């Protein structure tokens, strides 16, 4: 298991378009990807799950990766968050 924490910087927060792209990325990975904001946890493989996190600018989310391609998946997800959120 690997994880990192990211502070949402996108002025719109974790909204529809980047959330949909995150779902697509998560579904392409061999590892399971989950996001946690406070007490809420969401499977990154489902758009509704991510939207229910209601992550807004300034919120910290922890991204957890578990599975066979953890190192590569972690790098791809860190890049995605840095560039989009």
N, C-alpha and C. Protein backbone atom coordinates (compact mmCIF):
# COMPACT_ATOMS: atom_id res chain seq x y z
N UNK A 1 0.84 -1.17 0.00
CA UNK A 1 0.00 0.00 0.00
C UNK A 1 0.90 1.24 0.00
N UNK A 2 0.54 2.18 -0.85
CA UNK A 2 1.24 3.47 -0.94
C UNK A 2 0.18 4.55 -0.91
N UNK A 3 0.55 5.74 -0.42
CA UNK A 3 -0.41 6.82 -0.39
C UNK A 3 0.30 8.17 -0.38
N UNK A 4 -0.46 9.20 -0.75
CA UNK A 4 0.02 10.57 -0.67
C UNK A 4 -1.16 11.47 -0.34
N UNK A 5 -0.85 12.65 0.17
CA UNK A 5 -1.89 13.62 0.51
C UNK A 5 -1.75 14.81 -0.43
N UNK A 6 -2.89 15.29 -0.90
CA UNK A 6 -2.92 16.41 -1.84
C UNK A 6 -3.93 17.44 -1.35
N UNK A 7 -3.56 18.71 -1.43
CA UNK A 7 -4.49 19.79 -1.11
C UNK A 7 -5.13 20.26 -2.41
N UNK A 8 -6.45 20.23 -2.48
CA UNK A 8 -7.19 20.63 -3.69
C UNK A 8 -6.94 22.12 -3.97
N UNK A 9 -6.42 22.42 -5.14
CA UNK A 9 -6.12 23.80 -5.52
C UNK A 9 -7.03 24.30 -6.63
N UNK A 10 -7.67 23.39 -7.36
CA UNK A 10 -8.56 23.78 -8.45
C UNK A 10 -9.69 24.64 -7.87
N UNK A 11 -9.92 25.83 -8.44
CA UNK A 11 -10.95 26.73 -7.90
C UNK A 11 -12.35 26.11 -7.85
N UNK A 12 -12.60 25.11 -8.68
CA UNK A 12 -13.91 24.45 -8.68
C UNK A 12 -13.91 23.19 -7.82
N UNK A 13 -12.79 22.86 -7.21
CA UNK A 13 -12.71 21.65 -6.40
C UNK A 13 -12.69 20.40 -7.27
N UNK A 14 -13.06 19.30 -6.67
CA UNK A 14 -13.12 18.02 -7.39
C UNK A 14 -14.48 17.97 -8.09
N UNK A 15 -14.56 18.61 -9.25
CA UNK A 15 -15.82 18.71 -9.97
C UNK A 15 -15.89 17.69 -11.10
N UNK A 16 -16.95 17.70 -11.85
CA UNK A 16 -17.28 16.68 -12.83
C UNK A 16 -16.20 16.28 -13.82
N UNK A 17 -15.63 17.24 -14.51
CA UNK A 17 -14.67 16.90 -15.57
C UNK A 17 -13.41 16.22 -15.03
N UNK A 18 -12.70 16.82 -14.05
CA UNK A 18 -11.52 16.10 -13.55
C UNK A 18 -11.88 14.82 -12.80
N UNK A 19 -13.03 14.79 -12.16
CA UNK A 19 -13.45 13.57 -11.48
C UNK A 19 -13.66 12.45 -12.49
N UNK A 20 -14.27 12.76 -13.62
CA UNK A 20 -14.49 11.74 -14.66
C UNK A 20 -13.15 11.25 -15.22
N UNK A 21 -12.19 12.15 -15.38
CA UNK A 21 -10.87 11.75 -15.88
C UNK A 21 -10.13 10.91 -14.84
N UNK A 22 -10.34 11.23 -13.56
CA UNK A 22 -9.72 10.44 -12.50
C UNK A 22 -10.30 9.03 -12.48
N UNK A 23 -11.60 8.90 -12.65
CA UNK A 23 -12.24 7.58 -12.72
C UNK A 23 -11.65 6.77 -13.87
N UNK A 24 -11.49 7.41 -15.01
CA UNK A 24 -10.93 6.73 -16.18
C UNK A 24 -9.51 6.24 -15.88
N UNK A 25 -8.70 7.12 -15.29
CA UNK A 25 -7.33 6.74 -14.94
C UNK A 25 -7.34 5.58 -13.94
N UNK A 26 -8.15 5.66 -12.90
CA UNK A 26 -8.20 4.62 -11.88
C UNK A 26 -8.61 3.28 -12.48
N UNK A 27 -9.52 3.30 -13.44
CA UNK A 27 -9.98 2.06 -14.06
C UNK A 27 -8.92 1.43 -14.96
N UNK A 28 -7.96 2.22 -15.41
CA UNK A 28 -6.88 1.71 -16.25
C UNK A 28 -5.76 1.06 -15.44
N UNK A 29 -5.73 1.32 -14.15
CA UNK A 29 -4.67 0.80 -13.29
C UNK A 29 -5.02 -0.58 -12.75
N UNK A 30 -3.99 -1.37 -12.45
CA UNK A 30 -4.21 -2.68 -11.85
C UNK A 30 -4.47 -2.58 -10.36
N UNK A 31 -4.03 -1.48 -9.76
CA UNK A 31 -4.19 -1.27 -8.32
C UNK A 31 -5.55 -0.66 -8.01
N UNK A 32 -6.03 -0.92 -6.80
CA UNK A 32 -7.25 -0.27 -6.31
C UNK A 32 -6.86 1.12 -5.81
N UNK A 33 -7.69 2.12 -6.13
CA UNK A 33 -7.41 3.50 -5.75
C UNK A 33 -8.58 4.01 -4.91
N UNK A 34 -8.26 4.52 -3.73
CA UNK A 34 -9.29 5.12 -2.88
C UNK A 34 -8.84 6.51 -2.46
N UNK A 35 -9.82 7.38 -2.26
CA UNK A 35 -9.58 8.73 -1.76
C UNK A 35 -10.27 8.88 -0.42
N UNK A 36 -9.61 9.60 0.48
CA UNK A 36 -10.19 9.85 1.79
C UNK A 36 -10.14 11.34 2.07
N UNK A 37 -11.26 11.89 2.50
CA UNK A 37 -11.35 13.28 2.95
C UNK A 37 -12.03 13.24 4.29
N UNK A 38 -11.29 13.55 5.34
CA UNK A 38 -11.86 13.44 6.68
C UNK A 38 -12.26 12.01 6.97
N UNK A 39 -13.51 11.84 7.34
CA UNK A 39 -14.03 10.51 7.66
C UNK A 39 -14.59 9.77 6.45
N UNK A 40 -14.72 10.46 5.32
CA UNK A 40 -15.30 9.85 4.12
C UNK A 40 -14.22 9.20 3.26
N UNK A 41 -14.56 8.05 2.72
CA UNK A 41 -13.68 7.33 1.81
C UNK A 41 -14.45 7.00 0.55
N UNK A 42 -13.77 7.10 -0.60
CA UNK A 42 -14.43 6.82 -1.87
C UNK A 42 -13.53 6.00 -2.77
N UNK A 43 -14.13 5.02 -3.43
CA UNK A 43 -13.46 4.24 -4.46
C UNK A 43 -13.33 5.15 -5.69
N UNK A 44 -12.11 5.32 -6.18
CA UNK A 44 -11.88 6.21 -7.32
C UNK A 44 -12.40 5.63 -8.63
N UNK A 45 -12.91 4.42 -8.61
CA UNK A 45 -13.45 3.81 -9.81
C UNK A 45 -14.88 4.20 -10.12
N UNK A 46 -15.49 5.04 -9.27
CA UNK A 46 -16.88 5.44 -9.48
C UNK A 46 -17.07 6.94 -9.36
N UNK A 47 -17.65 7.55 -10.37
CA UNK A 47 -17.83 9.00 -10.41
C UNK A 47 -18.68 9.50 -9.24
N UNK A 48 -19.78 8.85 -8.97
CA UNK A 48 -20.65 9.30 -7.89
C UNK A 48 -19.92 9.25 -6.55
N UNK A 49 -19.13 8.21 -6.35
CA UNK A 49 -18.34 8.10 -5.12
C UNK A 49 -17.47 9.33 -4.93
N UNK A 50 -16.78 9.73 -5.99
CA UNK A 50 -15.88 10.88 -5.90
C UNK A 50 -16.65 12.18 -5.67
N UNK A 51 -17.78 12.32 -6.34
CA UNK A 51 -18.55 13.55 -6.20
C UNK A 51 -19.10 13.69 -4.78
N UNK A 52 -19.42 12.56 -4.14
CA UNK A 52 -19.95 12.60 -2.78
C UNK A 52 -18.91 13.03 -1.74
N UNK A 53 -17.64 12.99 -2.11
CA UNK A 53 -16.61 13.50 -1.21
C UNK A 53 -16.75 15.02 -1.02
N UNK A 54 -17.28 15.69 -2.04
CA UNK A 54 -17.50 17.14 -2.00
C UNK A 54 -16.21 17.88 -1.64
N UNK A 55 -15.12 17.52 -2.30
CA UNK A 55 -13.83 18.16 -2.03
C UNK A 55 -13.77 19.52 -2.71
N UNK A 56 -13.53 20.54 -1.92
CA UNK A 56 -13.48 21.92 -2.40
C UNK A 56 -12.05 22.45 -2.23
N UNK A 57 -11.75 23.60 -2.84
CA UNK A 57 -10.40 24.15 -2.71
C UNK A 57 -9.98 24.28 -1.24
N UNK A 58 -8.77 23.85 -0.97
CA UNK A 58 -8.24 23.88 0.39
C UNK A 58 -8.40 22.58 1.15
N UNK A 59 -9.30 21.70 0.70
CA UNK A 59 -9.47 20.40 1.34
C UNK A 59 -8.27 19.51 1.05
N UNK A 60 -7.90 18.71 2.03
CA UNK A 60 -6.85 17.72 1.83
C UNK A 60 -7.49 16.36 1.60
N UNK A 61 -7.01 15.69 0.57
CA UNK A 61 -7.47 14.32 0.30
C UNK A 61 -6.25 13.41 0.33
N UNK A 62 -6.45 12.22 0.86
CA UNK A 62 -5.39 11.22 0.87
C UNK A 62 -5.74 10.19 -0.19
N UNK A 63 -4.78 9.94 -1.06
CA UNK A 63 -4.97 8.98 -2.16
C UNK A 63 -4.19 7.73 -1.79
N UNK A 64 -4.89 6.59 -1.74
CA UNK A 64 -4.27 5.32 -1.38
C UNK A 64 -4.31 4.38 -2.58
N UNK A 65 -3.19 3.72 -2.83
CA UNK A 65 -3.05 2.79 -3.95
C UNK A 65 -2.63 1.44 -3.38
N UNK A 66 -3.38 0.40 -3.75
CA UNK A 66 -3.05 -0.96 -3.29
C UNK A 66 -3.16 -1.92 -4.47
N UNK A 67 -2.07 -2.62 -4.75
CA UNK A 67 -2.13 -3.61 -5.82
C UNK A 67 -0.79 -3.83 -6.48
N UNK A 68 -0.85 -4.48 -7.62
CA UNK A 68 0.34 -4.91 -8.32
C UNK A 68 1.19 -3.84 -8.96
N UNK A 69 0.61 -2.70 -9.28
CA UNK A 69 1.38 -1.65 -9.96
C UNK A 69 1.46 -0.37 -9.13
N UNK A 70 1.62 -0.54 -7.82
CA UNK A 70 1.56 0.59 -6.89
C UNK A 70 2.50 1.73 -7.25
N UNK A 71 3.75 1.43 -7.55
CA UNK A 71 4.71 2.50 -7.82
C UNK A 71 4.33 3.32 -9.04
N UNK A 72 4.03 2.63 -10.13
CA UNK A 72 3.63 3.34 -11.35
C UNK A 72 2.31 4.06 -11.18
N UNK A 73 1.37 3.42 -10.49
CA UNK A 73 0.07 4.03 -10.27
C UNK A 73 0.20 5.27 -9.41
N UNK A 74 1.01 5.19 -8.37
CA UNK A 74 1.21 6.33 -7.48
C UNK A 74 1.79 7.51 -8.26
N UNK A 75 2.78 7.25 -9.09
CA UNK A 75 3.40 8.32 -9.88
C UNK A 75 2.38 8.95 -10.83
N UNK A 76 1.57 8.13 -11.50
CA UNK A 76 0.57 8.65 -12.43
C UNK A 76 -0.48 9.47 -11.71
N UNK A 77 -0.90 9.02 -10.54
CA UNK A 77 -1.92 9.74 -9.78
C UNK A 77 -1.38 11.05 -9.21
N UNK A 78 -0.15 11.04 -8.72
CA UNK A 78 0.45 12.29 -8.22
C UNK A 78 0.54 13.32 -9.33
N UNK A 79 0.93 12.89 -10.51
CA UNK A 79 1.00 13.79 -11.66
C UNK A 79 -0.39 14.32 -12.01
N UNK A 80 -1.39 13.45 -12.03
CA UNK A 80 -2.76 13.85 -12.34
C UNK A 80 -3.25 14.90 -11.34
N UNK A 81 -3.07 14.65 -10.06
CA UNK A 81 -3.53 15.59 -9.04
C UNK A 81 -2.80 16.93 -9.15
N UNK A 82 -1.51 16.88 -9.37
CA UNK A 82 -0.72 18.11 -9.51
C UNK A 82 -1.20 18.94 -10.70
N UNK A 83 -1.50 18.30 -11.80
CA UNK A 83 -1.88 19.01 -13.03
C UNK A 83 -3.34 19.41 -13.10
N UNK A 84 -4.22 18.70 -12.38
CA UNK A 84 -5.67 18.91 -12.54
C UNK A 84 -6.41 19.35 -11.30
N UNK A 85 -5.86 19.10 -10.15
CA UNK A 85 -6.60 19.40 -8.93
C UNK A 85 -5.73 20.16 -7.94
